[in-house]
Amino acid sequence: MADFPVIRKDSADKGIVIEDDWPGYGLDLFTYPEHYRGDLENVYIPHGVIVNRTECLARRIVEDMEDRHVVALCVLKGGYKFCADLVEAIKSVSCNTARHKTVRVEFIRLKSYLNDQSTEDLQIIGPEDLSVVRGKAIVDTGKTMRALLQHVETFQPKAVKVAGLLVKRVPNVAGILPDYVGFVIPNRFVVGYALDYNEYFRDLNHICVISEQGKLKYRL
């Protein structure tokens, strides 16, 4: 049985940091679809931990955002579970406070991966007209931020905040750090909780590390 991961929390709450040597949990400790047997190395972040951390982020968003009308711009497909859980948590938290939020969800898709490698060819797929965000506060949930934020800003939202479940520590790569971060993880290719490898593994509830067998089996 694996020990608990060595994690630390940044003083500014920039996410729960999982250290490089975290081996994950043994697959025998959890249930997962039988058709993925042999395709995974470990359970990296269990589903229950994801849900709890998402609830913490929702509480911070409710506390921070003054606007009562919020548009959640969900980045498909990998962000749909996180977005759905985050929106439900925001509604649940705000119902018990004086800062009740009306949350509308819009969808957009970014495509930049081939197999397990990020490519330079970023495609924004979705509604060209995002005028619904004009004058509204936005919680953007997704990972490839720079191009998307430039696109969103053209519709003149009142404020834009980015919530990301995972931020990878990638050497020599300067990215936009989300305002609300779930976990900061090593540069490992993970799947599950709607994150995919060539459209497989989205049906995993946990976030897992894919094995070399899994990469070969589902490679394009």
C-alpha atoms as a PDB file:
ATOM      1  CA  MET A   1       0.000   0.000   0.000  1.00  0.00           C
ATOM      2  CA  ALA A   2       1.350   3.425  -0.951  1.00  0.00           C
ATOM      3  CA  ASP A   3       1.949   6.123   1.630  1.00  0.00           C
ATOM      4  CA  PHE A   4       0.107   9.419   1.360  1.00  0.00           C
ATOM      5  CA  PRO A   5       1.686  11.814  -1.150  1.00  0.00           C
ATOM      6  CA  VAL A   6       4.066  14.478   0.073  1.00  0.00           C
ATOM      7  CA  ILE A   7       2.000  17.579  -0.591  1.00  0.00           C
ATOM      8  CA  ARG A   8       2.345  21.186   0.373  1.00  0.00           C
ATOM      9  CA  LYS A   9       0.077  24.173   0.038  1.00  0.00           C
ATOM     10  CA  ASP A  10       1.377  27.514  -1.198  1.00  0.00           C
ATOM     11  CA  SER A  11       0.772  30.374   1.237  1.00  0.00           C
ATOM     12  CA  ALA A  12      -1.182  32.209  -1.479  1.00  0.00           C
ATOM     13  CA  ASP A  13      -3.166  29.010  -2.166  1.00  0.00           C
ATOM     14  CA  LYS A  14      -1.821  28.405  -5.644  1.00  0.00           C
ATOM     15  CA  GLY A  15      -2.737  24.767  -5.408  1.00  0.00           C
ATOM     16  CA  ILE A  16      -1.914  21.563  -3.574  1.00  0.00           C
ATOM     17  CA  VAL A  17       1.597  20.653  -4.689  1.00  0.00           C
ATOM     18  CA  ILE A  18       2.294  16.965  -5.332  1.00  0.00           C
ATOM     19  CA  GLU A  19       6.024  16.310  -5.274  1.00  0.00           C
ATOM     20  CA  ASP A  20       7.980  14.633  -8.076  1.00  0.00           C
ATOM     21  CA  ASP A  21       8.587  11.384  -6.188  1.00  0.00           C
ATOM     22  CA  TRP A  22       4.926  10.643  -5.465  1.00  0.00           C
ATOM     23  CA  PRO A  23       4.363   7.055  -6.729  1.00  0.00           C
ATOM     24  CA  GLY A  24       0.567   7.131  -6.637  1.00  0.00           C
ATOM     25  CA  TYR A  25      -1.773   4.568  -5.116  1.00  0.00           C
ATOM     26  CA  GLY A  26      -1.882   0.913  -6.087  1.00  0.00           C
ATOM     27  CA  LEU A  27      -4.626   0.074  -8.560  1.00  0.00           C
ATOM     28  CA  ASP A  28      -5.797  -2.782  -6.348  1.00  0.00           C
ATOM     29  CA  LEU A  29      -7.060  -0.246  -3.788  1.00  0.00           C
ATOM     30  CA  PHE A  30      -9.666   1.215  -6.150  1.00  0.00           C
ATOM     31  CA  THR A  31     -12.322   0.211  -8.638  1.00  0.00           C
ATOM     32  CA  TYR A  32     -11.881   1.184 -12.282  1.00  0.00           C
ATOM     33  CA  PRO A  33     -13.193  -0.093 -15.654  1.00  0.00           C
ATOM     34  CA  GLU A  34     -11.971  -3.623 -16.285  1.00  0.00           C
ATOM     35  CA  HIS A  35     -11.201  -2.862 -19.940  1.00  0.00           C
ATOM     36  CA  TYR A  36      -8.314  -0.652 -18.794  1.00  0.00           C
ATOM     37  CA  ARG A  37      -6.547  -3.411 -16.891  1.00  0.00           C
ATOM     38  CA  GLY A  38      -2.826  -3.177 -17.706  1.00  0.00           C
ATOM     39  CA  ASP A  39      -3.239   0.266 -19.268  1.00  0.00           C
ATOM     40  CA  LEU A  40      -2.625   2.245 -16.062  1.00  0.00           C
ATOM     41  CA  GLU A  41       0.360   2.594 -13.748  1.00  0.00           C
ATOM     42  CA  ASN A  42      -1.419   3.908 -10.657  1.00  0.00           C
ATOM     43  CA  VAL A  43      -4.189   6.059  -9.257  1.00  0.00           C
ATOM     44  CA  TYR A  44      -2.540   9.460  -8.965  1.00  0.00           C
ATOM     45  CA  ILE A  45      -5.373  11.504  -7.424  1.00  0.00           C
ATOM     46  CA  PRO A  46      -8.453   9.643  -6.144  1.00  0.00           C
ATOM     47  CA  HIS A  47     -11.908  10.911  -7.089  1.00  0.00           C
ATOM     48  CA  GLY A  48     -12.864  11.814  -3.521  1.00  0.00           C
ATOM     49  CA  VAL A  49      -9.797  14.056  -3.170  1.00  0.00           C
ATOM     50  CA  ILE A  50     -10.677  15.788  -6.458  1.00  0.00           C
ATOM     51  CA  VAL A  51     -14.230  16.484  -5.289  1.00  0.00           C
ATOM     52  CA  ASN A  52     -13.105  17.874  -1.943  1.00  0.00           C
ATOM     53  CA  ARG A  53     -10.520  20.173  -3.545  1.00  0.00           C
ATOM     54  CA  THR A  54     -13.123  21.386  -6.060  1.00  0.00           C
ATOM     55  CA  GLU A  55     -15.430  22.326  -3.201  1.00  0.00           C
ATOM     56  CA  CYS A  56     -12.606  24.357  -1.650  1.00  0.00           C
ATOM     57  CA  LEU A  57     -12.085  26.224  -4.933  1.00  0.00           C
ATOM     58  CA  ALA A  58     -15.822  26.913  -5.188  1.00  0.00           C
ATOM     59  CA  ARG A  59     -15.818  28.479  -1.740  1.00  0.00           C
ATOM     60  CA  ARG A  60     -12.964  30.802  -2.726  1.00  0.00           C
ATOM     61  CA  ILE A  61     -14.718  31.803  -5.947  1.00  0.00           C
ATOM     62  CA  VAL A  62     -17.912  32.685  -4.084  1.00  0.00           C
ATOM     63  CA  GLU A  63     -15.929  34.754  -1.601  1.00  0.00           C
ATOM     64  CA  ASP A  64     -13.923  36.568  -4.290  1.00  0.00           C
ATOM     65  CA  MET A  65     -16.467  37.366  -6.989  1.00  0.00           C
ATOM     66  CA  GLU A  66     -18.809  40.264  -6.283  1.00  0.00           C
ATOM     67  CA  ASP A  67     -20.882  39.852  -9.430  1.00  0.00           C
ATOM     68  CA  ARG A  68     -24.066  37.834  -8.887  1.00  0.00           C
ATOM     69  CA  HIS A  69     -24.210  36.742 -12.536  1.00  0.00           C
ATOM     70  CA  VAL A  70     -21.380  34.413 -13.485  1.00  0.00           C
ATOM     71  CA  VAL A  71     -20.690  32.689 -16.794  1.00  0.00           C
ATOM     72  CA  ALA A  72     -18.685  29.479 -16.531  1.00  0.00           C
ATOM     73  CA  LEU A  73     -16.880  28.929 -19.830  1.00  0.00           C
ATOM     74  CA  CYS A  74     -16.180  25.203 -19.906  1.00  0.00           C
ATOM     75  CA  VAL A  75     -13.299  23.954 -22.040  1.00  0.00           C
ATOM     76  CA  LEU A  76     -14.296  20.666 -23.679  1.00  0.00           C
ATOM     77  CA  LYS A  77     -13.790  17.851 -23.596  1.00  0.00           C
ATOM     78  CA  GLY A  78     -11.272  17.396 -20.801  1.00  0.00           C
ATOM     79  CA  GLY A  79     -12.766  20.087 -18.591  1.00  0.00           C
ATOM     80  CA  TYR A  80     -16.380  18.995 -18.525  1.00  0.00           C
ATOM     81  CA  LYS A  81     -16.331  16.979 -15.291  1.00  0.00           C
ATOM     82  CA  PHE A  82     -14.345  19.592 -13.416  1.00  0.00           C
ATOM     83  CA  CYS A  83     -16.615  22.351 -14.731  1.00  0.00           C
ATOM     84  CA  ALA A  84     -19.794  20.475 -13.826  1.00  0.00           C
ATOM     85  CA  ASP A  85     -18.585  19.691 -10.306  1.00  0.00           C
ATOM     86  CA  LEU A  86     -17.262  23.234  -9.815  1.00  0.00           C
ATOM     87  CA  VAL A  87     -20.520  24.873 -10.955  1.00  0.00           C
ATOM     88  CA  GLU A  88     -22.584  22.632  -8.683  1.00  0.00           C
ATOM     89  CA  ALA A  89     -20.265  23.403  -5.775  1.00  0.00           C
ATOM     90  CA  ILE A  90     -20.493  27.168  -6.457  1.00  0.00           C
ATOM     91  CA  LYS A  91     -24.293  26.988  -6.439  1.00  0.00           C
ATOM     92  CA  SER A  92     -24.312  24.892  -3.281  1.00  0.00           C
ATOM     93  CA  VAL A  93     -21.923  27.175  -1.412  1.00  0.00           C
ATOM     94  CA  SER A  94     -23.564  30.409  -2.545  1.00  0.00           C
ATOM     95  CA  CYS A  95     -27.042  29.228  -1.534  1.00  0.00           C
ATOM     96  CA  ASN A  96     -25.862  29.255   2.071  1.00  0.00           C
ATOM     97  CA  THR A  97     -24.374  32.750   1.923  1.00  0.00           C
ATOM     98  CA  ALA A  98     -25.462  36.295   1.149  1.00  0.00           C
ATOM     99  CA  ARG A  99     -23.455  36.074  -2.104  1.00  0.00           C
ATOM    100  CA  HIS A 100     -25.817  33.890  -4.098  1.00  0.00           C
ATOM    101  CA  LYS A 101     -24.610  33.382  -7.678  1.00  0.00           C
ATOM    102  CA  THR A 102     -26.576  32.814 -10.854  1.00  0.00           C
ATOM    103  CA  VAL A 103     -24.307  30.607 -12.954  1.00  0.00           C
ATOM    104  CA  ARG A 104     -24.690  30.135 -16.701  1.00  0.00           C
ATOM    105  CA  VAL A 105     -22.512  27.596 -18.508  1.00  0.00           C
ATOM    106  CA  GLU A 106     -21.133  28.018 -22.042  1.00  0.00           C
ATOM    107  CA  PHE A 107     -18.875  25.580 -23.870  1.00  0.00           C
ATOM    108  CA  ILE A 108     -15.796  25.872 -26.044  1.00  0.00           C
ATOM    109  CA  ARG A 109     -13.262  23.305 -27.203  1.00  0.00           C
ATOM    110  CA  LEU A 110      -9.491  23.504 -27.521  1.00  0.00           C
ATOM    111  CA  LYS A 111      -7.536  20.832 -29.380  1.00  0.00           C
ATOM    112  CA  SER A 112      -3.755  20.704 -29.163  1.00  0.00           C
ATOM    113  CA  TYR A 113      -2.702  17.098 -28.354  1.00  0.00           C
ATOM    114  CA  LEU A 114      -1.661  14.225 -30.594  1.00  0.00           C
ATOM    115  CA  ASN A 115      -1.150  11.059 -28.576  1.00  0.00           C
ATOM    116  CA  ASP A 116       0.639  12.301 -25.423  1.00  0.00           C
ATOM    117  CA  GLN A 117       2.378  15.302 -27.015  1.00  0.00           C
ATOM    118  CA  SER A 118       1.141  18.881 -27.077  1.00  0.00           C
ATOM    119  CA  THR A 119       1.376  20.409 -30.554  1.00  0.00           C
ATOM    120  CA  GLU A 120       1.730  24.010 -31.735  1.00  0.00           C
ATOM    121  CA  ASP A 121      -1.490  23.728 -33.727  1.00  0.00           C
ATOM    122  CA  LEU A 122      -4.125  25.015 -31.280  1.00  0.00           C
ATOM    123  CA  GLN A 123      -7.692  24.947 -32.549  1.00  0.00           C
ATOM    124  CA  ILE A 124     -10.508  26.847 -30.840  1.00  0.00           C
ATOM    125  CA  ILE A 125     -13.732  25.026 -31.651  1.00  0.00           C
ATOM    126  CA  GLY A 126     -17.030  26.426 -30.449  1.00  0.00           C
ATOM    127  CA  PRO A 127     -19.418  29.364 -30.707  1.00  0.00           C
ATOM    128  CA  GLU A 128     -17.885  32.320 -32.494  1.00  0.00           C
ATOM    129  CA  ASP A 129     -20.307  34.666 -30.746  1.00  0.00           C
ATOM    130  CA  LEU A 130     -19.630  34.813 -27.009  1.00  0.00           C
ATOM    131  CA  SER A 131     -21.496  38.087 -26.511  1.00  0.00           C
ATOM    132  CA  VAL A 132     -23.281  36.422 -23.582  1.00  0.00           C
ATOM    133  CA  VAL A 133     -20.156  37.156 -21.514  1.00  0.00           C
ATOM    134  CA  ARG A 134     -20.250  40.928 -22.109  1.00  0.00           C
ATOM    135  CA  GLY A 135     -20.394  42.697 -18.746  1.00  0.00           C
ATOM    136  CA  LYS A 136     -20.404  39.396 -16.831  1.00  0.00           C
ATOM    137  CA  ALA A 137     -17.840  37.813 -14.568  1.00  0.00           C
ATOM    138  CA  ILE A 138     -16.318  34.669 -16.051  1.00  0.00           C
ATOM    139  CA  VAL A 139     -14.830  31.617 -14.421  1.00  0.00           C
ATOM    140  CA  ASP A 140     -12.850  29.962 -17.189  1.00  0.00           C
ATOM    141  CA  THR A 141     -12.033  26.286 -16.686  1.00  0.00           C
ATOM    142  CA  GLY A 142      -9.338  24.877 -18.927  1.00  0.00           C
ATOM    143  CA  LYS A 143      -5.621  24.460 -19.572  1.00  0.00           C
ATOM    144  CA  THR A 144      -4.450  26.188 -22.801  1.00  0.00           C
ATOM    145  CA  MET A 145      -5.119  29.709 -21.677  1.00  0.00           C
ATOM    146  CA  ARG A 146      -3.273  32.380 -23.613  1.00  0.00           C
ATOM    147  CA  ALA A 147      -5.092  32.074 -26.956  1.00  0.00           C
ATOM    148  CA  LEU A 148      -8.431  31.447 -25.293  1.00  0.00           C
ATOM    149  CA  LEU A 149      -8.157  34.459 -22.987  1.00  0.00           C
ATOM    150  CA  GLN A 150      -7.352  36.712 -25.938  1.00  0.00           C
ATOM    151  CA  HIS A 151     -10.449  35.366 -27.696  1.00  0.00           C
ATOM    152  CA  VAL A 152     -12.681  35.886 -24.660  1.00  0.00           C
ATOM    153  CA  GLU A 153     -11.434  39.422 -23.944  1.00  0.00           C
ATOM    154  CA  THR A 154     -12.741  40.615 -27.333  1.00  0.00           C
ATOM    155  CA  PHE A 155     -16.281  40.174 -25.953  1.00  0.00           C
ATOM    156  CA  GLN A 156     -15.633  42.646 -23.100  1.00  0.00           C
ATOM    157  CA  PRO A 157     -16.429  40.621 -19.980  1.00  0.00           C
ATOM    158  CA  LYS A 158     -16.510  42.488 -16.681  1.00  0.00           C
ATOM    159  CA  ALA A 159     -13.876  40.201 -15.174  1.00  0.00           C
ATOM    160  CA  VAL A 160     -12.167  36.936 -16.075  1.00  0.00           C
ATOM    161  CA  LYS A 161     -10.827  34.381 -13.622  1.00  0.00           C
ATOM    162  CA  VAL A 162      -9.272  31.056 -14.562  1.00  0.00           C
ATOM    163  CA  ALA A 163      -9.832  27.874 -12.584  1.00  0.00           C
ATOM    164  CA  GLY A 164      -7.661  24.881 -13.413  1.00  0.00           C
ATOM    165  CA  LEU A 165      -7.813  21.499 -11.758  1.00  0.00           C
ATOM    166  CA  LEU A 166      -4.240  20.576 -12.716  1.00  0.00           C
ATOM    167  CA  VAL A 167      -1.124  22.621 -13.364  1.00  0.00           C
ATOM    168  CA  LYS A 168       1.950  20.702 -14.528  1.00  0.00           C
ATOM    169  CA  ARG A 169       5.488  21.672 -13.595  1.00  0.00           C
ATOM    170  CA  VAL A 170       7.024  21.808 -17.066  1.00  0.00           C
ATOM    171  CA  PRO A 171      10.721  22.857 -17.194  1.00  0.00           C
ATOM    172  CA  ASN A 172      11.525  26.014 -19.170  1.00  0.00           C
ATOM    173  CA  VAL A 173       7.887  26.671 -20.054  1.00  0.00           C
ATOM    174  CA  ALA A 174       6.286  29.898 -18.867  1.00  0.00           C
ATOM    175  CA  GLY A 175       2.526  29.648 -18.792  1.00  0.00           C
ATOM    176  CA  ILE A 176      -0.413  31.542 -17.352  1.00  0.00           C
ATOM    177  CA  LEU A 177      -1.057  30.336 -13.819  1.00  0.00           C
ATOM    178  CA  PRO A 178      -4.783  29.990 -13.084  1.00  0.00           C
ATOM    179  CA  ASP A 179      -6.313  32.143 -10.370  1.00  0.00           C
ATOM    180  CA  TYR A 180      -7.750  29.017  -8.750  1.00  0.00           C
ATOM    181  CA  VAL A 181      -5.553  25.904  -8.857  1.00  0.00           C
ATOM    182  CA  GLY A 182      -6.554  22.444  -7.753  1.00  0.00           C
ATOM    183  CA  PHE A 183      -3.268  20.538  -7.859  1.00  0.00           C
ATOM    184  CA  VAL A 184       0.266  21.259  -9.051  1.00  0.00           C
ATOM    185  CA  ILE A 185       1.699  17.995 -10.355  1.00  0.00           C
ATOM    186  CA  PRO A 186       4.903  16.732 -11.969  1.00  0.00           C
ATOM    187  CA  ASN A 187       5.120  16.661 -15.762  1.00  0.00           C
ATOM    188  CA  ARG A 188       3.444  13.274 -16.168  1.00  0.00           C
ATOM    189  CA  PHE A 189       0.748  12.354 -18.674  1.00  0.00           C
ATOM    190  CA  VAL A 190      -2.403  11.670 -16.670  1.00  0.00           C
ATOM    191  CA  VAL A 191      -5.836  10.465 -17.713  1.00  0.00           C
ATOM    192  CA  GLY A 192      -9.254  10.110 -16.144  1.00  0.00           C
ATOM    193  CA  TYR A 193     -11.853  12.488 -14.727  1.00  0.00           C
ATOM    194  CA  ALA A 194     -12.582  13.419 -18.389  1.00  0.00           C
ATOM    195  CA  LEU A 195      -8.891  13.764 -19.321  1.00  0.00           C
ATOM    196  CA  ASP A 196      -8.182  11.520 -22.283  1.00  0.00           C
ATOM    197  CA  TYR A 197      -5.555   9.812 -24.391  1.00  0.00           C
ATOM    198  CA  ASN A 198      -6.908   9.836 -27.944  1.00  0.00           C
ATOM    199  CA  GLU A 199     -10.487   9.880 -26.575  1.00  0.00           C
ATOM    200  CA  TYR A 200      -9.938   6.908 -24.224  1.00  0.00           C
ATOM    201  CA  PHE A 201      -9.936   6.957 -20.383  1.00  0.00           C
ATOM    202  CA  ARG A 202     -12.517   9.751 -20.024  1.00  0.00           C
ATOM    203  CA  ASP A 203     -14.725   7.256 -18.153  1.00  0.00           C
ATOM    204  CA  LEU A 204     -12.267   6.920 -15.256  1.00  0.00           C
ATOM    205  CA  ASN A 205     -13.400   8.659 -12.071  1.00  0.00           C
ATOM    206  CA  HIS A 206      -9.868   8.926 -10.676  1.00  0.00           C
ATOM    207  CA  ILE A 207      -6.912  10.734 -12.213  1.00  0.00           C
ATOM    208  CA  CYS A 208      -4.389   8.050 -13.177  1.00  0.00           C
ATOM    209  CA  VAL A 209      -1.004   7.740 -14.847  1.00  0.00           C
ATOM    210  CA  ILE A 210      -1.214   5.883 -18.150  1.00  0.00           C
ATOM    211  CA  SER A 211       1.169   2.977 -18.645  1.00  0.00           C
ATOM    212  CA  GLU A 212       3.408   2.416 -21.666  1.00  0.00           C
ATOM    213  CA  GLN A 213       1.133  -0.479 -22.623  1.00  0.00           C
ATOM    214  CA  GLY A 214      -1.830   1.912 -22.588  1.00  0.00           C
ATOM    215  CA  LYS A 215      -0.019   4.438 -24.770  1.00  0.00           C
ATOM    216  CA  LEU A 216       0.824   1.791 -27.357  1.00  0.00           C
ATOM    217  CA  LYS A 217      -2.615   0.204 -27.250  1.00  0.00           C
ATOM    218  CA  TYR A 218      -4.485   3.448 -28.003  1.00  0.00           C
ATOM    219  CA  ARG A 219      -1.864   5.266 -30.066  1.00  0.00           C
ATOM    220  CA  LEU A 220      -2.990   6.832 -33.365  1.00  0.00           C
END
